[in-house]
Amino acid sequence: MSAWAQPQQEPPNGVLLVAKPGLLDPNFRETVVLVSQTADGSTVGVILNRPTPNKHDKTGEPVSFGGPVMREVLVALFRAERAPEAAAFHVLKGIYLSMHPQNIEQLFRNGRDGSQGSYRLFMGFAGWAPGQLESELARDDWFVQPASAEILFRKDTSGIWDELVRKARGRVAMR
């Protein structure tokens, strides 16, 4: 759990891992994963394209499957003008990832504040020990792509994996 308690001053370091078609691990087959690296070299993130039929009890917001680690823990990906007070990963400018209850409760108190897609909710997250992801990259399991707010907060993620695989292979993605 200490991996989630990184200083908020860290520069943004989120990227997308796009599973290559040959990756057979059922947890990550045909996934797009937003990842961020911690100061100790651990990598954490959430799967962006595994929607579930579940809704959050308090808000009614959709809850996606974030990954196989701590599946019972709620994780939020959210927009914020400044770093939250509690621990969060700074993944892109103005975008954070956190499982800290204080950050999540603040999101619920603020509501969606009228802005389209100000947060997404996930159950569980993906995690790699130091060196583990490097081994998977050396095995050629993943494409690495830049993250963008448009991709992170996309409502319909059904074609995102195909789109990003085509992009990684140098073909123009079609929508």
N, C-alpha and C. Protein backbone atom coordinates (compact mmCIF):
# COMPACT_ATOMS: atom_id res chain seq x y z
N MET A 1 0.80 -1.18 0.00
CA MET A 1 0.00 0.00 0.00
C MET A 1 0.85 1.26 0.00
N SER A 2 2.10 1.17 0.40
CA SER A 2 2.95 2.35 0.44
C SER A 2 3.18 2.92 -0.96
N ALA A 3 3.04 2.11 -2.00
CA ALA A 3 3.21 2.61 -3.35
C ALA A 3 2.22 3.72 -3.66
N TRP A 4 1.08 3.73 -2.99
CA TRP A 4 0.06 4.75 -3.24
C TRP A 4 0.34 6.01 -2.45
N ALA A 5 1.31 6.03 -1.59
CA ALA A 5 1.55 7.18 -0.73
C ALA A 5 2.74 8.01 -1.21
N GLN A 6 2.78 8.28 -2.51
CA GLN A 6 3.88 9.06 -3.06
C GLN A 6 3.61 10.55 -2.90
N PRO A 7 4.65 11.37 -2.85
CA PRO A 7 4.47 12.80 -2.73
C PRO A 7 3.71 13.37 -3.94
N GLN A 8 2.82 14.33 -3.67
CA GLN A 8 2.03 14.92 -4.74
C GLN A 8 2.88 15.79 -5.67
N GLN A 9 4.09 16.19 -5.29
CA GLN A 9 4.90 17.07 -6.09
C GLN A 9 5.57 16.37 -7.27
N GLU A 10 5.46 15.07 -7.34
CA GLU A 10 6.08 14.33 -8.43
C GLU A 10 5.56 14.85 -9.77
N PRO A 11 6.43 14.93 -10.79
CA PRO A 11 5.96 15.34 -12.11
C PRO A 11 5.06 14.26 -12.71
N PRO A 12 4.18 14.64 -13.62
CA PRO A 12 3.31 13.64 -14.23
C PRO A 12 4.15 12.58 -14.96
N ASN A 13 3.77 11.31 -14.82
CA ASN A 13 4.53 10.27 -15.51
C ASN A 13 3.64 9.13 -15.99
N GLY A 14 2.42 9.43 -16.38
CA GLY A 14 1.53 8.39 -16.86
C GLY A 14 1.74 8.07 -18.33
N VAL A 15 1.73 6.78 -18.65
CA VAL A 15 1.78 6.31 -20.03
C VAL A 15 0.77 5.18 -20.17
N LEU A 16 0.50 4.82 -21.40
CA LEU A 16 -0.41 3.71 -21.67
C LEU A 16 0.38 2.47 -22.07
N LEU A 17 0.02 1.35 -21.47
CA LEU A 17 0.49 0.05 -21.92
C LEU A 17 -0.65 -0.55 -22.73
N VAL A 18 -0.36 -0.94 -23.94
CA VAL A 18 -1.36 -1.55 -24.82
C VAL A 18 -0.91 -2.99 -25.04
N ALA A 19 -1.73 -3.93 -24.58
CA ALA A 19 -1.37 -5.34 -24.70
C ALA A 19 -1.21 -5.72 -26.16
N LYS A 20 -0.10 -6.39 -26.46
CA LYS A 20 0.09 -6.87 -27.83
C LYS A 20 -0.85 -8.05 -28.06
N PRO A 21 -1.25 -8.28 -29.31
CA PRO A 21 -2.20 -9.35 -29.59
C PRO A 21 -1.80 -10.72 -29.05
N GLY A 22 -0.52 -10.99 -28.89
CA GLY A 22 -0.07 -12.29 -28.40
C GLY A 22 -0.10 -12.44 -26.89
N LEU A 23 -0.40 -11.38 -26.15
CA LEU A 23 -0.43 -11.46 -24.69
C LEU A 23 -1.66 -12.26 -24.26
N LEU A 24 -1.42 -13.41 -23.63
CA LEU A 24 -2.53 -14.33 -23.32
C LEU A 24 -3.00 -14.26 -21.87
N ASP A 25 -2.27 -13.56 -21.00
CA ASP A 25 -2.69 -13.44 -19.60
C ASP A 25 -4.13 -12.92 -19.58
N PRO A 26 -5.08 -13.68 -19.01
CA PRO A 26 -6.48 -13.26 -19.05
C PRO A 26 -6.75 -11.94 -18.33
N ASN A 27 -5.90 -11.58 -17.38
CA ASN A 27 -6.07 -10.30 -16.70
C ASN A 27 -5.78 -9.12 -17.62
N PHE A 28 -4.93 -9.33 -18.63
CA PHE A 28 -4.47 -8.20 -19.43
C PHE A 28 -4.65 -8.38 -20.94
N ARG A 29 -5.25 -9.48 -21.35
CA ARG A 29 -5.46 -9.71 -22.79
C ARG A 29 -6.34 -8.60 -23.36
N GLU A 30 -5.89 -7.99 -24.45
CA GLU A 30 -6.62 -6.92 -25.15
C GLU A 30 -6.97 -5.74 -24.25
N THR A 31 -6.02 -5.37 -23.39
CA THR A 31 -6.27 -4.24 -22.49
C THR A 31 -5.42 -3.03 -22.86
N VAL A 32 -5.91 -1.89 -22.35
CA VAL A 32 -5.17 -0.63 -22.37
C VAL A 32 -5.06 -0.23 -20.91
N VAL A 33 -3.84 -0.08 -20.42
CA VAL A 33 -3.60 0.17 -19.00
C VAL A 33 -2.88 1.51 -18.83
N LEU A 34 -3.47 2.40 -18.05
CA LEU A 34 -2.78 3.62 -17.65
C LEU A 34 -1.84 3.24 -16.52
N VAL A 35 -0.55 3.52 -16.66
CA VAL A 35 0.41 3.19 -15.61
C VAL A 35 1.23 4.41 -15.21
N SER A 36 1.71 4.36 -13.98
CA SER A 36 2.57 5.38 -13.42
C SER A 36 3.60 4.66 -12.56
N GLN A 37 4.82 5.17 -12.56
CA GLN A 37 5.86 4.51 -11.79
C GLN A 37 6.11 5.26 -10.49
N THR A 38 6.30 4.51 -9.43
CA THR A 38 6.57 5.10 -8.12
C THR A 38 8.07 5.35 -7.97
N ALA A 39 8.42 6.10 -6.92
CA ALA A 39 9.82 6.43 -6.67
C ALA A 39 10.68 5.19 -6.47
N ASP A 40 10.09 4.10 -5.93
CA ASP A 40 10.88 2.89 -5.68
C ASP A 40 10.93 1.95 -6.89
N GLY A 41 10.38 2.38 -8.02
CA GLY A 41 10.44 1.57 -9.23
C GLY A 41 9.27 0.64 -9.43
N SER A 42 8.30 0.64 -8.51
CA SER A 42 7.08 -0.14 -8.71
C SER A 42 6.21 0.57 -9.74
N THR A 43 5.40 -0.19 -10.43
CA THR A 43 4.50 0.38 -11.43
C THR A 43 3.07 0.02 -11.04
N VAL A 44 2.20 1.03 -11.04
CA VAL A 44 0.79 0.81 -10.72
C VAL A 44 -0.06 1.49 -11.78
N GLY A 45 -1.30 1.03 -11.91
CA GLY A 45 -2.19 1.65 -12.86
C GLY A 45 -3.56 1.01 -12.86
N VAL A 46 -4.37 1.40 -13.84
CA VAL A 46 -5.72 0.86 -13.98
C VAL A 46 -5.97 0.49 -15.44
N ILE A 47 -6.74 -0.57 -15.61
CA ILE A 47 -7.16 -1.00 -16.94
C ILE A 47 -8.29 -0.07 -17.37
N LEU A 48 -8.14 0.56 -18.52
CA LEU A 48 -9.12 1.55 -18.97
C LEU A 48 -10.30 0.96 -19.73
N ASN A 49 -10.13 -0.25 -20.26
CA ASN A 49 -11.17 -0.79 -21.14
C ASN A 49 -11.78 -2.10 -20.64
N ARG A 50 -12.08 -2.17 -19.35
CA ARG A 50 -12.79 -3.32 -18.79
C ARG A 50 -14.02 -2.83 -18.02
N PRO A 51 -15.03 -2.36 -18.74
CA PRO A 51 -16.24 -1.90 -18.05
C PRO A 51 -16.94 -3.07 -17.36
N THR A 52 -17.71 -2.77 -16.35
CA THR A 52 -18.52 -3.77 -15.68
C THR A 52 -19.96 -3.24 -15.65
N PRO A 53 -20.93 -4.07 -15.34
CA PRO A 53 -22.30 -3.56 -15.21
C PRO A 53 -22.53 -2.83 -13.89
N ASN A 54 -21.52 -2.82 -13.03
CA ASN A 54 -21.67 -2.26 -11.69
C ASN A 54 -21.70 -0.74 -11.68
N LYS A 55 -22.47 -0.21 -10.73
CA LYS A 55 -22.54 1.23 -10.48
C LYS A 55 -22.15 1.46 -9.03
N HIS A 56 -21.55 2.62 -8.76
CA HIS A 56 -21.17 2.96 -7.39
C HIS A 56 -22.43 3.21 -6.56
N ASP A 57 -22.45 2.66 -5.34
CA ASP A 57 -23.64 2.76 -4.48
C ASP A 57 -24.07 4.20 -4.21
N LYS A 58 -23.11 5.08 -3.91
CA LYS A 58 -23.45 6.46 -3.54
C LYS A 58 -23.75 7.35 -4.73
N THR A 59 -23.03 7.15 -5.83
CA THR A 59 -23.11 8.11 -6.94
C THR A 59 -23.85 7.60 -8.17
N GLY A 60 -23.97 6.28 -8.29
CA GLY A 60 -24.57 5.72 -9.50
C GLY A 60 -23.63 5.74 -10.70
N GLU A 61 -22.39 6.17 -10.48
CA GLU A 61 -21.40 6.22 -11.57
C GLU A 61 -20.95 4.81 -11.93
N PRO A 62 -20.64 4.58 -13.21
CA PRO A 62 -20.11 3.27 -13.61
C PRO A 62 -18.79 2.97 -12.90
N VAL A 63 -18.59 1.69 -12.60
CA VAL A 63 -17.34 1.24 -11.97
C VAL A 63 -16.72 0.19 -12.90
N SER A 64 -15.53 0.47 -13.37
CA SER A 64 -14.81 -0.45 -14.25
C SER A 64 -13.89 -1.35 -13.43
N PHE A 65 -13.47 -2.46 -14.06
CA PHE A 65 -12.48 -3.33 -13.45
C PHE A 65 -11.12 -2.70 -13.68
N GLY A 66 -10.42 -2.32 -12.60
CA GLY A 66 -9.15 -1.63 -12.71
C GLY A 66 -7.95 -2.55 -12.79
N GLY A 67 -8.10 -3.77 -12.27
CA GLY A 67 -6.99 -4.72 -12.30
C GLY A 67 -7.13 -5.77 -11.22
N PRO A 68 -6.23 -6.76 -11.25
CA PRO A 68 -6.37 -7.91 -10.36
C PRO A 68 -5.84 -7.70 -8.94
N VAL A 69 -5.26 -6.55 -8.64
CA VAL A 69 -4.71 -6.30 -7.30
C VAL A 69 -5.77 -5.59 -6.46
N MET A 70 -6.01 -6.12 -5.26
CA MET A 70 -6.96 -5.50 -4.31
C MET A 70 -8.29 -5.14 -5.00
N ARG A 71 -8.92 -6.14 -5.57
CA ARG A 71 -10.14 -5.95 -6.37
C ARG A 71 -11.29 -5.29 -5.60
N GLU A 72 -11.22 -5.30 -4.27
CA GLU A 72 -12.30 -4.73 -3.46
C GLU A 72 -12.08 -3.24 -3.17
N VAL A 73 -10.93 -2.68 -3.61
CA VAL A 73 -10.59 -1.29 -3.31
C VAL A 73 -11.03 -0.38 -4.45
N LEU A 74 -11.70 0.71 -4.08
CA LEU A 74 -12.13 1.70 -5.05
C LEU A 74 -10.96 2.62 -5.41
N VAL A 75 -10.76 2.82 -6.70
CA VAL A 75 -9.70 3.67 -7.21
C VAL A 75 -10.35 4.71 -8.12
N ALA A 76 -9.88 5.95 -8.04
CA ALA A 76 -10.42 7.02 -8.87
C ALA A 76 -9.34 7.63 -9.75
N LEU A 77 -9.70 7.87 -10.98
CA LEU A 77 -8.91 8.65 -11.93
C LEU A 77 -9.67 9.95 -12.08
N PHE A 78 -9.03 11.08 -11.80
CA PHE A 78 -9.82 12.32 -11.75
C PHE A 78 -9.02 13.55 -12.19
N ARG A 79 -9.77 14.55 -12.61
CA ARG A 79 -9.20 15.84 -12.97
C ARG A 79 -9.20 16.73 -11.74
N ALA A 80 -8.14 17.52 -11.57
CA ALA A 80 -8.07 18.47 -10.47
C ALA A 80 -7.14 19.61 -10.88
N GLU A 81 -7.53 20.82 -10.53
CA GLU A 81 -6.70 21.98 -10.88
C GLU A 81 -5.40 22.00 -10.09
N ARG A 82 -5.43 21.46 -8.87
CA ARG A 82 -4.22 21.39 -8.08
C ARG A 82 -4.13 20.00 -7.43
N ALA A 83 -2.94 19.67 -6.98
CA ALA A 83 -2.72 18.35 -6.38
C ALA A 83 -3.65 18.15 -5.19
N PRO A 84 -4.23 16.96 -5.06
CA PRO A 84 -5.08 16.69 -3.90
C PRO A 84 -4.25 16.66 -2.63
N GLU A 85 -4.93 16.87 -1.49
CA GLU A 85 -4.23 16.87 -0.20
C GLU A 85 -3.71 15.49 0.17
N ALA A 86 -4.47 14.46 -0.13
CA ALA A 86 -4.06 13.09 0.21
C ALA A 86 -3.23 12.50 -0.94
N ALA A 87 -2.62 11.36 -0.69
CA ALA A 87 -1.73 10.71 -1.65
C ALA A 87 -2.43 10.41 -2.97
N ALA A 88 -1.74 10.74 -4.06
CA ALA A 88 -2.26 10.48 -5.40
C ALA A 88 -1.09 10.47 -6.38
N PHE A 89 -1.25 9.70 -7.46
CA PHE A 89 -0.27 9.71 -8.53
C PHE A 89 -0.64 10.81 -9.51
N HIS A 90 0.32 11.61 -9.90
CA HIS A 90 0.13 12.67 -10.88
C HIS A 90 0.44 12.07 -12.25
N VAL A 91 -0.60 11.67 -12.99
CA VAL A 91 -0.37 10.93 -14.22
C VAL A 91 -0.24 11.82 -15.46
N LEU A 92 -0.99 12.90 -15.51
CA LEU A 92 -0.89 13.90 -16.57
C LEU A 92 -1.17 15.25 -15.95
N LYS A 93 -0.90 16.32 -16.67
CA LYS A 93 -1.18 17.65 -16.12
C LYS A 93 -2.66 17.74 -15.75
N GLY A 94 -2.91 17.99 -14.46
CA GLY A 94 -4.27 18.14 -13.97
C GLY A 94 -5.05 16.84 -13.83
N ILE A 95 -4.38 15.69 -13.92
CA ILE A 95 -5.05 14.39 -13.82
C ILE A 95 -4.29 13.51 -12.83
N TYR A 96 -5.06 12.91 -11.90
CA TYR A 96 -4.49 12.14 -10.80
C TYR A 96 -5.18 10.79 -10.69
N LEU A 97 -4.47 9.84 -10.08
CA LEU A 97 -4.98 8.50 -9.81
C LEU A 97 -4.78 8.25 -8.32
N SER A 98 -5.85 7.83 -7.63
CA SER A 98 -5.72 7.62 -6.18
C SER A 98 -6.73 6.60 -5.68
N MET A 99 -6.33 5.89 -4.63
CA MET A 99 -7.27 5.04 -3.92
C MET A 99 -7.48 5.57 -2.51
N HIS A 100 -6.93 6.74 -2.22
CA HIS A 100 -7.05 7.31 -0.88
C HIS A 100 -8.50 7.75 -0.64
N PRO A 101 -9.13 7.25 0.44
CA PRO A 101 -10.54 7.59 0.69
C PRO A 101 -10.81 9.09 0.78
N GLN A 102 -9.86 9.86 1.29
CA GLN A 102 -10.07 11.31 1.40
C GLN A 102 -10.25 11.94 0.01
N ASN A 103 -9.44 11.53 -0.95
CA ASN A 103 -9.57 12.06 -2.32
C ASN A 103 -10.89 11.63 -2.94
N ILE A 104 -11.26 10.38 -2.75
CA ILE A 104 -12.48 9.87 -3.36
C ILE A 104 -13.70 10.52 -2.75
N GLU A 105 -13.72 10.66 -1.44
CA GLU A 105 -14.85 11.34 -0.78
C GLU A 105 -14.98 12.78 -1.26
N GLN A 106 -13.85 13.44 -1.47
CA GLN A 106 -13.87 14.82 -1.98
C GLN A 106 -14.52 14.87 -3.36
N LEU A 107 -14.21 13.89 -4.19
CA LEU A 107 -14.84 13.83 -5.52
C LEU A 107 -16.35 13.71 -5.39
N PHE A 108 -16.79 12.87 -4.47
CA PHE A 108 -18.23 12.66 -4.29
C PHE A 108 -18.90 13.92 -3.74
N ARG A 109 -18.20 14.62 -2.83
CA ARG A 109 -18.76 15.86 -2.28
C ARG A 109 -18.89 16.93 -3.35
N ASN A 110 -17.87 17.01 -4.21
CA ASN A 110 -17.89 18.02 -5.27
C ASN A 110 -18.85 17.66 -6.40
N GLY A 111 -19.20 16.37 -6.47
CA GLY A 111 -20.03 15.93 -7.59
C GLY A 111 -19.23 16.01 -8.87
N ARG A 112 -19.90 15.95 -9.96
CA ARG A 112 -19.21 16.01 -11.25
C ARG A 112 -19.03 17.45 -11.68
N ASP A 113 -19.42 18.41 -10.87
CA ASP A 113 -19.26 19.86 -11.05
C ASP A 113 -19.52 20.33 -12.48
N GLY A 114 -20.43 19.64 -13.13
CA GLY A 114 -20.84 20.08 -14.45
C GLY A 114 -19.84 19.80 -15.57
N SER A 115 -18.64 19.40 -15.25
CA SER A 115 -17.66 19.15 -16.31
C SER A 115 -17.78 17.71 -16.78
N GLN A 116 -17.72 17.55 -18.07
CA GLN A 116 -17.86 16.23 -18.68
C GLN A 116 -16.67 15.35 -18.31
N GLY A 117 -16.94 14.22 -17.70
CA GLY A 117 -15.88 13.25 -17.43
C GLY A 117 -14.82 13.73 -16.46
N SER A 118 -15.23 14.27 -15.32
CA SER A 118 -14.24 14.76 -14.36
C SER A 118 -13.60 13.64 -13.55
N TYR A 119 -14.24 12.46 -13.51
CA TYR A 119 -13.60 11.32 -12.87
C TYR A 119 -14.16 10.00 -13.39
N ARG A 120 -13.36 8.94 -13.19
CA ARG A 120 -13.76 7.57 -13.49
C ARG A 120 -13.44 6.73 -12.27
N LEU A 121 -14.26 5.71 -12.02
CA LEU A 121 -14.07 4.83 -10.87
C LEU A 121 -13.71 3.42 -11.32
N PHE A 122 -12.87 2.78 -10.52
CA PHE A 122 -12.40 1.42 -10.80
C PHE A 122 -12.39 0.62 -9.51
N MET A 123 -12.59 -0.68 -9.63
CA MET A 123 -12.39 -1.60 -8.51
C MET A 123 -11.10 -2.35 -8.80
N GLY A 124 -10.15 -2.21 -7.88
CA GLY A 124 -8.86 -2.87 -8.04
C GLY A 124 -7.94 -2.07 -8.94
N PHE A 125 -6.70 -2.53 -9.00
CA PHE A 125 -5.71 -1.89 -9.85
C PHE A 125 -4.71 -2.92 -10.33
N ALA A 126 -3.85 -2.48 -11.23
CA ALA A 126 -2.78 -3.33 -11.76
C ALA A 126 -1.49 -2.91 -11.08
N GLY A 127 -0.64 -3.86 -10.79
CA GLY A 127 0.62 -3.53 -10.14
C GLY A 127 1.73 -4.46 -10.57
N TRP A 128 2.93 -3.90 -10.65
CA TRP A 128 4.11 -4.65 -11.02
C TRP A 128 5.21 -4.35 -10.01
N ALA A 129 5.92 -5.35 -9.57
CA ALA A 129 7.06 -5.17 -8.68
C ALA A 129 8.21 -4.54 -9.46
N PRO A 130 9.18 -3.94 -8.76
CA PRO A 130 10.34 -3.39 -9.47
C PRO A 130 10.97 -4.45 -10.39
N GLY A 131 11.17 -4.07 -11.64
CA GLY A 131 11.78 -4.97 -12.62
C GLY A 131 10.80 -5.87 -13.36
N GLN A 132 9.63 -6.10 -12.81
CA GLN A 132 8.67 -7.02 -13.43
C GLN A 132 8.18 -6.49 -14.79
N LEU A 133 7.78 -5.23 -14.85
CA LEU A 133 7.30 -4.67 -16.10
C LEU A 133 8.42 -4.64 -17.14
N GLU A 134 9.62 -4.32 -16.72
CA GLU A 134 10.75 -4.31 -17.64
C GLU A 134 10.91 -5.68 -18.30
N SER A 135 10.71 -6.76 -17.52
CA SER A 135 10.79 -8.11 -18.08
C SER A 135 9.70 -8.34 -19.12
N GLU A 136 8.49 -7.86 -18.82
CA GLU A 136 7.38 -8.03 -19.77
C GLU A 136 7.63 -7.22 -21.04
N LEU A 137 8.21 -6.04 -20.90
CA LEU A 137 8.54 -5.23 -22.08
C LEU A 137 9.63 -5.91 -22.91
N ALA A 138 10.61 -6.50 -22.23
CA ALA A 138 11.68 -7.22 -22.93
C ALA A 138 11.13 -8.44 -23.67
N ARG A 139 10.07 -9.06 -23.12
CA ARG A 139 9.40 -10.20 -23.78
C ARG A 139 8.52 -9.74 -24.92
N ASP A 140 8.37 -8.43 -25.07
CA ASP A 140 7.57 -7.84 -26.14
C ASP A 140 6.07 -8.07 -25.93
N ASP A 141 5.61 -7.97 -24.67
CA ASP A 141 4.20 -8.15 -24.36
C ASP A 141 3.36 -6.89 -24.58
N TRP A 142 4.00 -5.73 -24.57
CA TRP A 142 3.26 -4.45 -24.56
C TRP A 142 3.78 -3.47 -25.59
N PHE A 143 2.84 -2.66 -26.12
CA PHE A 143 3.19 -1.42 -26.80
C PHE A 143 3.12 -0.34 -25.73
N VAL A 144 3.99 0.65 -25.81
CA VAL A 144 3.93 1.79 -24.90
C VAL A 144 3.51 3.00 -25.72
N GLN A 145 2.44 3.66 -25.29
CA GLN A 145 1.88 4.80 -26.01
C GLN A 145 1.72 5.97 -25.05
N PRO A 146 1.74 7.20 -25.57
CA PRO A 146 1.49 8.35 -24.69
C PRO A 146 0.03 8.36 -24.22
N ALA A 147 -0.17 8.82 -23.02
CA ALA A 147 -1.53 8.95 -22.48
C ALA A 147 -2.06 10.33 -22.84
N SER A 148 -3.38 10.44 -22.93
CA SER A 148 -4.03 11.73 -23.16
C SER A 148 -5.34 11.75 -22.39
N ALA A 149 -5.77 12.93 -22.03
CA ALA A 149 -7.04 13.07 -21.31
C ALA A 149 -8.18 12.50 -22.13
N GLU A 150 -8.14 12.69 -23.43
CA GLU A 150 -9.21 12.18 -24.30
C GLU A 150 -9.36 10.67 -24.15
N ILE A 151 -8.24 9.97 -24.13
CA ILE A 151 -8.28 8.51 -23.99
C ILE A 151 -8.68 8.12 -22.56
N LEU A 152 -8.10 8.78 -21.57
CA LEU A 152 -8.35 8.41 -20.18
C LEU A 152 -9.81 8.55 -19.78
N PHE A 153 -10.50 9.56 -20.32
CA PHE A 153 -11.87 9.83 -19.90
C PHE A 153 -12.91 9.48 -20.98
N ARG A 154 -12.50 8.68 -21.94
CA ARG A 154 -13.43 8.25 -22.99
C ARG A 154 -14.56 7.42 -22.38
N LYS A 155 -15.78 7.76 -22.73
CA LYS A 155 -16.94 7.04 -22.20
C LYS A 155 -17.03 5.62 -22.77
N ASP A 156 -16.94 5.51 -24.09
CA ASP A 156 -17.05 4.20 -24.73
C ASP A 156 -15.65 3.70 -25.06
N THR A 157 -15.19 2.72 -24.30
CA THR A 157 -13.84 2.20 -24.49
C THR A 157 -13.82 0.92 -25.32
N SER A 158 -14.95 0.57 -25.92
CA SER A 158 -15.04 -0.73 -26.60
C SER A 158 -14.05 -0.91 -27.74
N GLY A 159 -13.69 0.11 -28.49
CA GLY A 159 -12.77 -0.06 -29.60
C GLY A 159 -11.38 0.49 -29.34
N ILE A 160 -11.12 0.89 -28.12
CA ILE A 160 -9.86 1.59 -27.82
C ILE A 160 -8.63 0.69 -28.00
N TRP A 161 -8.75 -0.58 -27.66
CA TRP A 161 -7.59 -1.47 -27.80
C TRP A 161 -7.22 -1.61 -29.27
N ASP A 162 -8.20 -1.93 -30.14
CA ASP A 162 -7.93 -2.06 -31.57
C ASP A 162 -7.32 -0.77 -32.12
N GLU A 163 -7.90 0.35 -31.75
CA GLU A 163 -7.42 1.66 -32.22
C GLU A 163 -5.96 1.89 -31.86
N LEU A 164 -5.61 1.61 -30.60
CA LEU A 164 -4.23 1.87 -30.15
C LEU A 164 -3.24 0.84 -30.68
N VAL A 165 -3.67 -0.38 -30.92
CA VAL A 165 -2.79 -1.37 -31.55
C VAL A 165 -2.47 -0.91 -32.97
N ARG A 166 -3.49 -0.47 -33.72
CA ARG A 166 -3.25 0.03 -35.08
C ARG A 166 -2.30 1.23 -35.06
N LYS A 167 -2.52 2.12 -34.11
CA LYS A 167 -1.66 3.31 -33.99
C LYS A 167 -0.22 2.90 -33.69
N ALA A 168 -0.04 1.95 -32.77
CA ALA A 168 1.30 1.50 -32.40
C ALA A 168 2.01 0.83 -33.57
N ARG A 169 1.24 0.19 -34.42
CA ARG A 169 1.82 -0.48 -35.59
C ARG A 169 2.04 0.49 -36.75
N GLY A 170 1.68 1.77 -36.53
CA GLY A 170 1.92 2.78 -37.55
C GLY A 170 0.79 2.96 -38.53
N ARG A 171 -0.36 2.38 -38.23
CA ARG A 171 -1.52 2.56 -39.11
C ARG A 171 -2.43 3.60 -38.51
N VAL A 172 -3.10 4.33 -39.35
CA VAL A 172 -4.03 5.35 -38.88
C VAL A 172 -5.22 4.65 -38.22
N ALA A 173 -5.52 5.07 -37.01
CA ALA A 173 -6.66 4.48 -36.30
C ALA A 173 -7.96 5.00 -36.90
N MET A 174 -8.90 4.11 -37.06
CA MET A 174 -10.21 4.50 -37.58
C MET A 174 -11.22 4.44 -36.45
N ARG A 175 -12.14 5.38 -36.46
CA ARG A 175 -13.19 5.37 -35.43
C ARG A 175 -14.49 5.08 -36.06
